Protein backbone atom coordinates (compact mmCIF):
# COMPACT_ATOMS: atom_id res chain seq x y z
CA PHE A 1 0.00 0.00 0.00
CA ARG A 2 1.46 3.39 -1.00
CA ILE A 3 0.16 6.95 -1.19
CA GLU A 4 1.80 8.95 -3.95
CA GLN A 5 1.81 12.43 -5.40
CA PRO A 6 1.65 12.69 -9.20
CA ASN A 7 5.46 12.92 -9.30
CA GLY A 8 5.77 9.58 -7.52
CA ASN A 9 6.84 10.96 -4.14
CA PRO A 10 4.97 9.86 -1.00
CA GLY A 11 1.77 11.84 -0.50
CA ASN A 12 -0.44 13.00 2.35
CA PHE A 13 -3.99 12.07 3.10
CA TYR A 14 -6.74 13.46 5.31
CA SER A 15 -9.80 11.70 6.60
CA PRO A 16 -12.62 12.67 8.93
CA TYR A 17 -13.31 8.93 9.20
CA ASP A 18 -11.27 6.30 11.01
CA PRO A 19 -9.42 4.36 8.34
CA ILE A 20 -8.13 0.85 8.76
CA ILE A 21 -5.36 0.07 6.28
CA ARG A 22 -4.71 -3.62 5.72
CA ALA A 23 -1.72 -4.26 3.47
CA ILE A 24 0.15 -7.44 2.67
CA GLY A 25 3.34 -5.48 2.03
CA ASP A 26 4.87 -2.12 2.91
CA VAL A 27 2.82 0.99 3.70
CA VAL A 28 4.46 4.27 2.66
CA PHE A 29 3.02 7.80 2.80
CA ASP A 30 4.10 11.29 3.71
CA GLY A 31 1.53 12.37 6.28
CA TYR A 32 -1.95 12.02 7.69
CA GLN A 33 -4.44 14.17 9.58
CA GLY A 34 -7.80 13.02 10.82
CA ALA A 35 -9.57 10.59 13.09
CA SER A 36 -8.08 7.49 14.68
CA LEU A 37 -5.80 5.60 12.28
CA HIS A 38 -5.13 1.86 12.25
CA ILE A 39 -2.50 0.22 10.02
CA LEU A 40 -2.10 -3.54 9.81
CA ALA A 41 0.85 -4.20 7.53
CA GLY A 42 2.60 -7.34 6.43
CA GLY A 43 5.68 -5.22 5.72
CA SER A 44 7.20 -1.96 6.88
CA VAL A 45 5.39 1.30 7.66
CA ILE A 46 7.30 4.39 6.57
CA VAL A 47 5.92 7.90 7.15
CA ASN A 48 8.33 10.63 6.17
CA GLY A 49 6.21 13.45 7.56
CA ILE A 50 3.66 14.00 10.33
CA ILE A 51 0.72 11.91 11.51
CA GLN A 52 -1.82 14.01 13.41
CA ILE A 53 -4.78 12.40 15.16
CA ASP A 54 -7.53 14.95 15.79
CA THR A 55 -10.50 12.94 17.10
CA PRO A 56 -11.78 9.45 17.91
CA ASP A 57 -13.78 7.71 15.21
CA ALA A 58 -17.43 8.72 15.02
CA THR A 59 -18.52 6.31 12.29
CA GLY A 60 -18.02 2.88 13.85
CA ASN A 61 -15.17 1.99 11.48
CA ALA A 62 -12.47 1.79 14.15
CA ILE A 63 -10.84 -1.24 15.66
CA SER A 64 -12.62 -1.69 18.99
CA PRO A 65 -13.67 -4.46 21.39
CA ALA A 66 -17.22 -4.17 20.07
CA THR A 67 -16.55 -4.34 16.32
CA THR A 68 -13.23 -6.20 16.00
CA PRO A 69 -12.63 -8.09 19.25
CA GLY A 70 -9.93 -10.24 17.70
CA LEU A 71 -7.80 -7.17 16.97
CA ALA A 72 -8.71 -4.98 19.94
CA THR A 73 -6.49 -6.66 22.54
CA VAL A 74 -2.75 -6.43 21.94
CA THR A 75 -0.38 -8.31 24.23
CA LEU A 76 3.03 -6.64 24.33
CA SER A 77 6.26 -8.61 24.51
CA ASN A 78 6.43 -8.10 28.29
CA GLY A 79 2.94 -9.53 28.79
CA THR A 80 1.16 -6.18 29.20
CA GLN A 81 -2.23 -6.10 27.52
CA VAL A 82 -3.31 -2.97 25.66
CA THR A 83 -6.92 -2.47 24.62
CA ILE A 84 -7.39 -0.60 21.34
CA ASP A 85 -10.64 1.30 20.94
CA GLY A 86 -10.52 3.98 18.25
CA THR A 87 -14.14 4.94 18.88
CA GLN A 88 -13.64 5.86 22.54
CA GLN A 89 -10.09 7.24 22.35
CA ALA A 90 -8.23 9.16 19.70
CA THR A 91 -5.91 6.38 18.58
CA LEU A 92 -2.87 5.78 16.43
CA ASP A 93 -2.46 2.03 16.05
CA ILE A 94 0.36 0.83 13.79
CA ARG A 95 1.30 -2.83 13.53
CA ALA A 96 4.02 -3.80 11.06
CA GLY A 97 5.57 -7.08 9.95
CA MET A 98 2.43 -9.03 10.70
CA ASN A 99 1.64 -12.61 9.80
CA LEU A 100 -0.51 -12.42 6.69
CA ALA A 101 -3.23 -14.58 8.17
CA ALA A 102 -3.78 -12.05 10.96
CA ILE A 103 -4.19 -9.07 8.62
CA GLY A 104 -7.43 -10.08 7.01
CA VAL A 105 -8.53 -9.00 3.53
CA PRO A 106 -6.07 -6.40 2.19
CA GLY A 107 -7.47 -3.02 1.34
CA LEU A 108 -8.73 0.23 2.83
CA PHE A 109 -11.75 0.41 5.10
CA PRO A 110 -13.92 2.31 4.36
CA ASP A 111 -13.02 2.34 0.70
CA PRO A 112 -12.71 4.90 -0.66
CA ILE A 113 -11.95 7.44 2.08
CA PRO A 114 -12.70 11.00 1.02
CA GLY A 115 -9.40 12.84 0.73
CA ALA A 116 -6.30 13.13 -1.39
CA PHE A 117 -4.76 9.70 -1.46
CA THR A 118 -4.12 7.03 -4.05
CA PRO A 119 -3.67 3.43 -2.91
CA ILE A 120 -1.24 1.45 -5.04
CA ASP A 121 -1.11 -2.33 -4.96
CA PRO A 122 -2.11 -3.51 -1.48
CA ASN A 123 -0.43 -6.78 -2.45
CA ALA A 124 3.02 -5.20 -2.82
CA ALA A 125 6.00 -7.07 -1.41
CA ALA A 126 7.12 -6.69 2.17
CA THR A 127 10.73 -5.52 2.50
CA GLY A 128 10.90 -5.75 6.30
CA ALA A 129 9.06 -5.00 9.50
CA GLU A 130 10.42 -1.51 10.09
CA ILE A 131 8.40 1.41 11.47
CA LYS A 132 9.85 4.84 10.74
CA ILE A 133 7.86 8.02 11.38
CA GLY A 134 8.98 11.65 11.29
CA ALA A 135 6.53 12.93 13.90
CA ILE A 136 3.27 12.02 15.61
CA ILE A 137 0.87 14.58 17.06
CA MET A 138 -2.01 13.51 19.26
CA ALA A 139 -4.28 16.57 19.11
CA GLN A 140 -6.82 15.19 21.56
CA PRO A 141 -6.48 14.41 25.30
CA ASN A 142 -6.82 10.91 26.74
CA GLY A 143 -5.63 9.29 23.53
CA GLN A 144 -3.45 6.28 22.86
CA ILE A 145 -0.48 5.52 20.63
CA LEU A 146 0.63 1.97 19.81
CA LEU A 147 3.58 1.20 17.54
CA THR A 148 4.55 -2.45 17.31
CA ASN A 149 6.08 -5.00 15.01
CA GLN A 150 5.77 -7.72 17.64
CA TYR A 151 2.02 -8.31 17.16
CA GLN A 152 1.28 -11.59 15.31
CA PRO A 153 4.74 -11.33 13.72
CA ASN A 154 5.93 -12.84 10.46
CA LEU A 155 9.30 -14.00 11.73
CA ALA A 156 10.50 -14.96 8.25
CA LEU A 157 10.59 -11.36 7.01
CA PRO A 158 13.95 -10.05 5.80
CA GLY A 159 15.20 -6.50 6.26
CA SER A 160 15.03 -4.06 9.14
CA LYS A 161 12.86 -4.66 12.15
CA ASP A 162 13.72 -1.39 13.93
CA ILE A 163 11.34 1.32 15.08
CA THR A 164 12.60 4.89 14.59
CA ILE A 165 10.68 7.93 15.77
CA GLY A 166 11.60 11.59 15.37
CA ALA A 167 9.00 13.06 17.72
CA ILE A 168 5.79 12.13 19.51
CA ILE A 169 3.59 14.88 20.96
CA ALA A 170 1.20 13.01 23.22
CA GLY A 171 0.59 15.78 25.74
CA ASP A 172 -2.05 18.48 25.60
CA ALA A 173 0.03 21.04 23.68
CA PHE A 174 -2.16 20.58 20.58
CA SER A 175 -5.38 19.64 22.37
CA PRO A 176 -8.36 21.98 22.28
CA PRO A 177 -8.95 23.97 25.50
CA PRO A 178 -9.07 23.17 28.35
CA GLY A 179 -6.68 20.31 27.56
CA GLY A 180 -6.81 17.15 29.61
CA ASN A 181 -4.87 14.04 30.50
CA SER A 182 -2.00 13.20 28.20
CA SER A 183 -2.05 10.13 26.00
CA ASP A 184 -0.26 6.88 26.77
CA VAL A 185 2.48 5.69 24.41
CA PHE A 186 3.33 2.02 23.82
CA ILE A 187 6.23 1.02 21.58
CA ASP A 188 7.22 -2.63 21.11
CA SER A 189 10.09 -3.29 18.70
CA ARG A 190 11.26 -6.59 17.26
CA GLY A 191 14.60 -4.92 16.52
CA ASN A 192 16.13 -1.73 17.90
CA PHE A 193 14.29 1.40 19.00
CA LEU A 194 15.74 4.78 18.07
CA LEU A 195 14.52 8.19 19.23
CA ASN A 196 16.15 10.46 16.69
CA ASP A 197 14.95 13.58 14.89
CA PHE A 198 16.10 12.20 11.54
CA LEU A 199 14.08 14.76 9.56
CA GLY A 200 15.20 17.76 11.61
CA LEU A 201 11.62 18.67 12.51
CA ASN A 202 12.56 19.48 16.12
CA GLY A 203 15.99 21.04 15.72
CA GLY A 204 17.73 17.68 15.72
CA ILE A 205 16.40 16.69 19.16
CA GLY A 206 14.23 13.59 19.41
CA LEU A 207 11.16 14.05 21.58
CA ILE A 208 8.44 12.04 23.29
CA ASP A 209 6.31 14.66 25.04
CA ALA A 210 3.55 13.11 27.12
CA ALA A 211 3.36 16.07 29.50
CA SER A 212 0.14 17.82 30.46
CA LEU A 213 -0.06 21.41 31.64
CA ASN A 214 -2.55 20.83 34.48
CA ASP A 215 -3.74 17.24 34.18
CA VAL A 216 -2.26 13.74 34.39
CA GLY A 217 0.89 13.02 32.41
CA GLY A 218 0.86 10.08 30.03
CA ASN A 219 2.73 6.82 30.52
CA VAL A 220 5.52 5.93 28.08
CA THR A 221 6.49 2.27 27.60
CA ILE A 222 9.29 1.29 25.21
CA LEU A 223 10.17 -2.37 24.73
CA SER A 224 12.89 -3.65 22.43
CA ALA A 225 14.23 -7.05 21.46
CA GLY A 226 17.40 -5.19 20.44
CA ASN A 227 18.87 -1.93 21.69
CA ILE A 228 17.21 1.31 22.81
CA ASN A 229 19.05 4.45 21.71
CA LEU A 230 17.67 7.77 22.93
CA ASP A 231 18.85 11.05 21.46
CA GLY A 232 16.47 13.60 22.93
CA ARG A 233 13.88 13.95 25.66
CA ILE A 234 11.04 11.93 27.20
CA ASP A 235 8.72 13.96 29.44
CA THR A 236 5.67 12.58 31.26
CA SER A 237 5.15 15.51 33.62
CA SER A 238 2.12 17.30 34.95
CA ILE A 239 3.87 20.60 34.46
CA ASN A 240 2.13 22.81 37.01
CA GLY A 241 2.16 20.10 39.65
CA LEU A 242 -1.63 19.82 39.88
CA ALA A 243 -1.86 16.12 38.95
CA ALA A 244 0.26 13.00 38.89
CA ALA A 245 3.05 12.56 36.38
CA GLY A 246 3.19 9.51 34.14
CA SER A 247 5.70 6.69 34.30
CA ILE A 248 8.58 5.90 31.93
CA THR A 249 9.47 2.25 31.27
CA LEU A 250 12.40 1.19 29.09
CA PHE A 251 13.06 -2.52 28.61
CA ALA A 252 15.61 -3.91 26.16
CA LEU A 253 17.05 -7.36 25.63
CA GLY A 254 20.07 -5.48 24.29
CA ASN A 255 21.63 -2.24 25.49
CA ILE A 256 20.11 1.09 26.48
CA ALA A 257 22.04 4.26 25.61
CA LEU A 258 21.15 7.82 26.62
CA THR A 259 23.29 10.05 24.43
CA PRO A 260 24.46 13.57 25.35
CA GLN A 261 21.69 15.93 26.49
CA THR A 262 19.09 13.18 26.70
CA THR A 263 16.59 13.71 29.53
CA LEU A 264 14.02 11.43 31.14
CA LEU A 265 11.70 13.60 33.24
CA SER A 266 8.65 12.78 35.34
CA ALA A 267 7.53 15.72 37.47
CA GLY A 268 4.10 16.48 38.88
CA LEU A 269 1.96 16.55 41.99
CA LEU A 270 3.80 13.28 42.51
CA GLY A 271 6.49 12.19 40.11
CA GLY A 272 5.97 8.90 38.29
CA ASN A 273 8.22 5.86 38.32
CA ILE A 274 11.13 5.54 35.89
CA SER A 275 12.43 2.06 35.12
CA LEU A 276 15.32 0.97 32.88
CA THR A 277 16.10 -2.70 32.27
CA GLY A 278 18.72 -3.82 29.77
CA ALA A 279 22.08 -5.47 29.22
CA ASP A 280 24.57 -2.58 29.21
CA ILE A 281 22.97 0.73 30.21
CA SER A 282 24.91 3.95 29.65
CA LEU A 283 24.29 7.62 30.37
CA ASP A 284 26.52 10.21 28.69
CA ARG A 285 25.82 13.79 29.81
CA SER A 286 22.25 12.71 30.40
CA VAL A 287 19.65 13.25 33.11
CA ILE A 288 17.06 11.00 34.76
CA ASN A 289 14.89 13.10 37.07
CA ILE A 290 11.76 12.58 39.17
CA GLU A 291 10.33 15.60 40.96
CA ASN A 292 7.39 16.05 43.32
CA ARG A 293 5.84 19.50 42.82
CA GLY A 294 2.96 18.89 45.22
CA GLY A 295 1.62 16.09 47.36
CA THR A 296 0.62 15.88 51.00
CA ILE A 297 2.40 14.56 54.08
CA GLY A 298 2.66 10.78 53.87
CA SER A 299 2.59 10.61 50.09
CA VAL A 300 5.66 9.35 48.22
CA GLY A 301 6.83 10.21 44.73
CA GLY A 302 7.97 7.74 42.13
CA GLY A 303 11.29 5.97 42.26
CA ILE A 304 14.05 5.19 39.79
CA ARG A 305 14.94 1.55 39.19
CA ILE A 306 17.80 0.47 36.93
CA GLN A 307 18.63 -3.20 36.32
CA ALA A 308 21.46 -4.15 34.00
CA ARG A 309 24.47 -6.28 33.32
CA SER A 310 26.53 -3.09 33.55
CA PHE A 311 25.63 0.53 34.28
CA THR A 312 27.88 3.43 33.27
CA ALA A 313 27.16 7.12 33.91
CA THR A 314 29.69 9.61 32.60
CA ASN A 315 30.33 13.24 31.75
CA ALA A 316 28.13 15.05 34.28
CA SER A 317 25.18 12.68 34.00
CA SER A 318 22.73 12.70 36.90
CA VAL A 319 20.09 10.42 38.39
CA ASN A 320 17.82 12.33 40.78
CA THR A 321 14.67 12.12 42.84
CA GLY A 322 13.46 15.09 44.87
CA SER A 323 10.72 17.50 45.84
CA SER A 324 10.34 21.20 45.17
CA GLY A 325 8.06 24.16 45.80
CA THR A 326 5.48 23.55 48.51
CA SER A 327 5.48 19.77 48.18
CA GLU A 328 4.98 17.84 51.43
CA ALA A 329 5.60 14.48 49.75
CA SER A 330 8.62 12.28 50.33
CA SER A 331 11.06 11.66 47.51
CA GLY A 332 11.19 8.26 45.86
CA ASN A 333 14.06 5.81 46.13
CA ILE A 334 16.85 5.15 43.65
CA ASP A 335 17.67 1.47 43.12
CA ILE A 336 20.50 0.48 40.75
CA GLN A 337 21.58 -3.14 40.32
CA ALA A 338 24.11 -4.65 37.93
CA THR A 339 25.35 -8.21 37.60
CA ASP A 340 28.80 -7.16 36.29
CA PHE A 341 29.86 -3.62 37.20
CA ILE A 342 28.73 -0.05 37.86
CA LEU A 343 30.96 2.87 36.85
CA LEU A 344 30.31 6.50 37.75
CA ASP A 345 32.87 8.59 35.89
CA GLY A 346 32.21 12.30 36.20
CA LEU A 347 35.03 13.42 33.92
CA ILE A 348 35.23 17.16 34.66
CA LEU A 349 31.84 18.29 35.87
CA GLY A 350 30.86 15.35 38.03
CA THR A 351 28.29 12.60 37.73
CA THR A 352 25.62 12.51 40.44
CA ILE A 353 23.19 10.02 41.93
CA GLN A 354 21.06 11.99 44.34
CA ALA A 355 17.86 11.57 46.37
CA ASP A 356 17.06 14.84 48.14
CA ASN A 357 14.25 16.51 49.99
CA ALA A 358 13.98 20.25 49.52
CA THR A 359 10.51 20.60 51.03
CA PHE A 360 8.55 18.90 53.84
CA GLY A 361 8.82 15.16 53.25
CA ASN A 362 11.65 12.69 53.65
CA GLY A 363 14.43 12.21 51.16
CA GLY A 364 14.60 8.95 49.26
CA ASP A 365 17.04 6.10 49.84
CA VAL A 366 19.79 5.17 47.38
CA ARG A 367 20.57 1.47 46.99
CA ILE A 368 23.33 0.30 44.64
CA ILE A 369 24.35 -3.34 44.19
CA ALA A 370 27.05 -4.67 41.85
CA PRO A 371 30.07 -7.00 42.00
CA ASN A 372 32.30 -4.03 41.11
CA LEU A 373 31.36 -0.43 41.93
CA THR A 374 33.69 2.42 40.95
CA LEU A 375 33.34 6.18 41.48
CA THR A 376 35.94 8.37 39.83
CA ALA A 377 36.55 11.90 38.52
CA ASN A 378 34.31 13.89 40.85
CA SER A 379 31.36 11.51 40.88
CA GLN A 380 28.89 11.75 43.76
CA ILE A 381 26.25 9.71 45.52
CA ASN A 382 24.22 12.03 47.77
CA THR A 383 21.18 12.15 49.98
CA GLY A 384 20.03 15.12 52.02
CA THR A 385 17.31 17.19 53.58
CA SER A 386 17.02 20.96 53.35
CA ASN A 387 13.62 21.41 54.98
CA LEU A 388 11.30 19.50 57.34
CA GLY A 389 12.03 15.82 56.93
CA ASN A 390 14.74 13.20 57.20
CA GLY A 391 17.43 12.53 54.68
CA GLY A 392 17.54 9.21 52.86
CA ASN A 393 19.93 6.36 53.56
CA ILE A 394 22.65 5.15 51.19
CA PHE A 395 23.17 1.39 50.88
CA LEU A 396 26.09 0.11 48.80
CA GLN A 397 26.84 -3.56 48.24
CA ALA A 398 29.79 -4.72 46.14
CA ASN A 399 32.60 -7.25 46.06
CA ALA A 400 34.98 -4.37 45.28
CA LEU A 401 34.22 -0.68 45.93
CA GLN A 402 36.64 1.95 44.66
CA ILE A 403 36.18 5.68 45.32
CA SER A 404 38.75 8.01 43.75
CA ASN A 405 38.39 11.81 43.68
CA SER A 406 34.69 11.28 44.35
CA SER A 407 32.31 11.39 47.29
CA ILE A 408 29.45 9.66 49.04
CA GLU A 409 27.61 12.15 51.23
CA SER A 410 24.57 12.38 53.50
CA ARG A 411 23.74 15.89 54.72
CA VAL A 412 21.31 17.87 56.82
CA PHE A 413 21.64 21.23 55.09
CA ALA A 414 21.56 24.59 56.90
CA THR A 415 17.80 24.96 56.37
CA GLY A 416 17.13 21.30 57.18
CA GLN A 417 15.22 20.04 60.19
CA GLY A 418 15.54 16.30 60.40
CA THR A 419 17.92 13.39 60.75
CA GLY A 420 20.56 12.76 58.14
CA GLY A 421 20.61 9.42 56.40
CA ASN A 422 23.05 6.64 57.18
CA ILE A 423 25.74 5.38 54.81
CA VAL A 424 25.88 1.58 54.94
CA ILE A 425 28.53 -0.27 52.92
CA ASP A 426 28.77 -4.06 52.62
CA THR A 427 31.76 -5.01 50.49
CA GLY A 428 34.61 -7.39 49.91
CA SER A 429 37.09 -4.51 49.79
CA LEU A 430 36.92 -0.71 49.98
CA SER A 431 39.49 1.63 48.48
CA LEU A 432 39.17 5.37 49.21
CA SER A 433 41.86 7.49 47.53
CA ASN A 434 42.85 10.68 45.73
CA ALA A 435 40.52 13.06 47.61
CA GLY A 436 37.91 10.36 48.06
CA LEU A 437 35.30 11.25 50.67
CA LEU A 438 32.75 9.43 52.82
CA LEU A 439 30.79 12.08 54.74
CA THR A 440 27.79 12.49 56.97
CA ALA A 441 27.19 16.02 58.24
CA THR A 442 24.62 18.31 59.78
CA SER A 443 24.55 22.03 59.16
CA GLY A 444 20.98 22.48 60.34
CA LEU A 445 18.69 21.20 63.07
CA GLY A 446 19.15 17.46 63.34
CA ASP A 447 21.64 14.66 63.82
CA ALA A 448 24.11 13.58 61.17
CA GLY A 449 23.82 10.03 59.91
CA ASN A 450 26.13 7.16 60.76
CA ILE A 451 28.75 5.54 58.55
CA GLN A 452 28.91 1.76 58.73
CA VAL A 453 31.46 -0.19 56.67
CA THR A 454 31.62 -3.98 56.68
CA ALA A 455 34.39 -5.46 54.52
CA ARG A 456 35.37 -9.10 54.31
CA ASP A 457 38.88 -8.14 53.21
CA ALA A 458 40.70 -4.78 53.25
CA VAL A 459 39.62 -1.19 53.85
CA THR A 460 42.24 1.20 52.50
CA LEU A 461 42.34 5.01 52.74
CA THR A 462 45.18 6.76 50.90
CA GLY A 463 46.12 10.42 50.40
CA SER A 464 46.24 13.65 52.38
CA THR A 465 42.87 14.84 51.02
CA THR A 466 41.11 11.52 51.58
CA PHE A 467 38.59 11.48 54.45
CA MET A 468 36.00 9.30 56.11
CA THR A 469 34.26 11.72 58.43
CA SER A 470 31.13 12.72 60.31
CA GLN A 471 30.77 16.31 61.42
CA VAL A 472 28.55 18.85 63.14
CA ASP A 473 29.14 22.11 61.28
CA PRO A 474 29.22 25.60 62.85
CA GLY A 475 25.71 26.78 63.69
CA ALA A 476 24.23 23.28 63.58
CA ILE A 477 22.22 21.77 66.42
CA GLY A 478 22.55 18.02 66.53
CA ARG A 479 24.81 15.07 67.16
CA GLY A 480 27.52 13.86 64.86
CA GLY A 481 27.20 10.39 63.42
CA ASN A 482 29.14 7.34 64.52
CA ILE A 483 31.70 5.71 62.23
CA SER A 484 32.19 1.96 62.44
CA ILE A 485 34.51 -0.19 60.34
CA GLU A 486 34.66 -3.97 60.54
CA ALA A 487 37.15 -5.47 58.12
CA GLY A 488 39.78 -8.10 57.55
CA SER A 489 42.35 -5.30 57.69
CA VAL A 490 42.31 -1.50 57.81
CA SER A 491 45.03 0.75 56.39
CA LEU A 492 45.29 4.56 56.44
CA ALA A 493 48.30 5.98 54.57
CA ASN A 494 49.88 9.15 53.23
CA GLY A 495 47.78 11.58 55.25
CA ALA A 496 44.37 9.88 55.02
CA LYS A 497 42.06 10.70 57.93
CA LEU A 498 39.23 9.07 59.85
CA THR A 499 37.50 11.78 61.89
CA ALA A 500 34.41 12.67 63.91
CA SER A 501 34.08 16.32 64.92
CA THR A 502 31.72 18.97 66.22
CA ASP A 503 31.91 22.70 65.63
CA GLY A 504 28.24 23.21 66.52
CA GLN A 505 25.81 22.55 69.35
CA GLY A 506 26.08 18.82 69.79
CA ASN A 507 28.47 15.99 70.55
CA SER A 508 30.67 14.46 67.93
CA GLY A 509 30.21 10.83 67.01
CA ASN A 510 32.27 7.83 68.06
CA ILE A 511 34.73 5.90 65.89
CA SER A 512 35.25 2.14 66.07
CA VAL A 513 37.72 0.18 63.95
CA PHE A 514 37.67 -3.61 64.26
CA ALA A 515 40.03 -5.94 62.40
CA ASP A 516 39.88 -9.07 64.49
CA ASN A 517 41.69 -11.31 62.03
CA GLY A 518 44.08 -8.80 60.52
CA SER A 519 45.94 -5.56 61.14
CA VAL A 520 45.16 -1.87 61.58
CA THR A 521 47.93 0.23 60.01
CA LEU A 522 48.46 4.00 60.09
CA SER A 523 51.42 5.27 58.07
CA GLY A 524 52.71 8.50 56.58
CA SER A 525 52.71 12.12 57.67
CA GLY A 526 49.33 13.55 58.69
CA THR A 527 47.59 10.18 58.79
CA GLY A 528 45.26 9.86 61.74
CA ILE A 529 42.09 8.77 63.52
CA TRP A 530 40.55 11.35 65.82
CA THR A 531 37.47 12.91 67.30
CA LYS A 532 37.40 16.65 67.90
CA THR A 533 35.27 19.36 69.47
CA THR A 534 35.69 23.14 69.28
CA THR A 535 32.52 23.93 71.25
CA ASP A 536 30.76 22.79 74.40
CA GLY A 537 29.89 19.51 72.73
CA ALA A 538 31.77 16.41 73.77
CA GLY A 539 34.26 14.64 71.57
CA GLY A 540 33.56 11.02 70.74
CA VAL A 541 35.20 7.78 71.80
CA ILE A 542 37.74 5.98 69.60
CA ALA A 543 37.82 2.18 69.85
CA ILE A 544 40.34 0.06 67.91
CA ARG A 545 40.31 -3.72 68.16
CA THR A 546 42.93 -5.79 66.36
CA ASP A 547 45.68 -8.32 66.98
CA ASN A 548 48.15 -6.14 65.09
CA LEU A 549 48.22 -2.34 65.39
CA GLN A 550 50.97 -0.64 63.39
CA MET A 551 51.67 3.10 63.55
């Protein structure tokens, strides 16, 4: 099936009806504007321009549970069921690379559709199962977009099986006043998925915009049997914070790559969940952000969950949950797990994983699990509170944890009123070097969190600017946190320091170092373990237990 201009180039068509295109082979056209559109293609679907859906179908021609029950329920590759009803919702429903038996009689329904189009050979050959669309505009609230080449697939097809999208506008930017809930987006690819403005319609930036100004943000689900490559922005926000944001789900059997300046954003009354599951997941100068802009006490925003074989975040990438404005909601948690390794490499500007509370709820927890976890080049893992509420805890579990010129911090900021989160590390070995920092601190009204390190083998701190410390800052009111290390052996060298101090109104924490089956070694100028007070607060107790203490 092909729509052509007289010169042979792909053409546009417009329909006030709800067409169903059934084609044995490829479907190619340049654009569409009208009611809900359904395409069932045995081959690829290529749209080099814009598809705009203005309304649901009003004629009864749409795919729906009532008229076409066999086609109305689509089971995605992850088992999720999507109900297609072009009469009740403005709908774009594109299914490519289908088994011919599932398509039905090829043709156009109704036939003909008033408008400027010319169908050519609905029995044309199928060259693949690719879906490639310049842009999609859903100009109606509460709509639905489904793009799949996994439905009733013809697995014998040659050629590309990728899905490439330049832009999807599924929010209420084009909806008639007063707007409404954004549309949900479902993409299920038999090959790779690429978000890429290949036609330059959006300044070279790919876009999936499912944000609503005042209503509920849409959900975006992208599934891929290959890789997911994002070059742009996915936004499921409720922009003014008056309703819930939508969720973002990325699942790939291959890799997931967020290229420079890519952003995943879910902000609203409560932020939605963001989930990434893949083999090797990488962020390069990219941002994943959940933000509560409203919500009441006791409510909790969405969390970030990343599951991978390896996870790499570089070049000032950030993964954040938090609250802003007058929100009283607690921030969601950040959970990152990898079966091979996790690398945070900030390069110059620093890469950050952060769960903060800037308003009245609690900050979220950060939990990171991997056999090998490395922070380098000014990378940071942070939790904190800067208003009424407690800071989140940080849990790290690894066979080998290396922190070089990077920091793990839990803070009660100067405006904070709450308890700082604890830093809990369970590892085979811990190496802290080259201005590496483990810190809990209070600068406000509340106690600093504790630092607890359990290592089966060695804990090593090296370098004059390397610290493991808990502190009460000047002007703060609260206790310092305790620092406890249990390890096979503990070594501080070349000026590294293990400290607990108070310069505010409160006692410093205690320090305990236990190496029952190994040694505790302090070597080099400036190296030390101490507690300190410069105010009326008491200094803490230092306890060292080992069979072999070397100084």
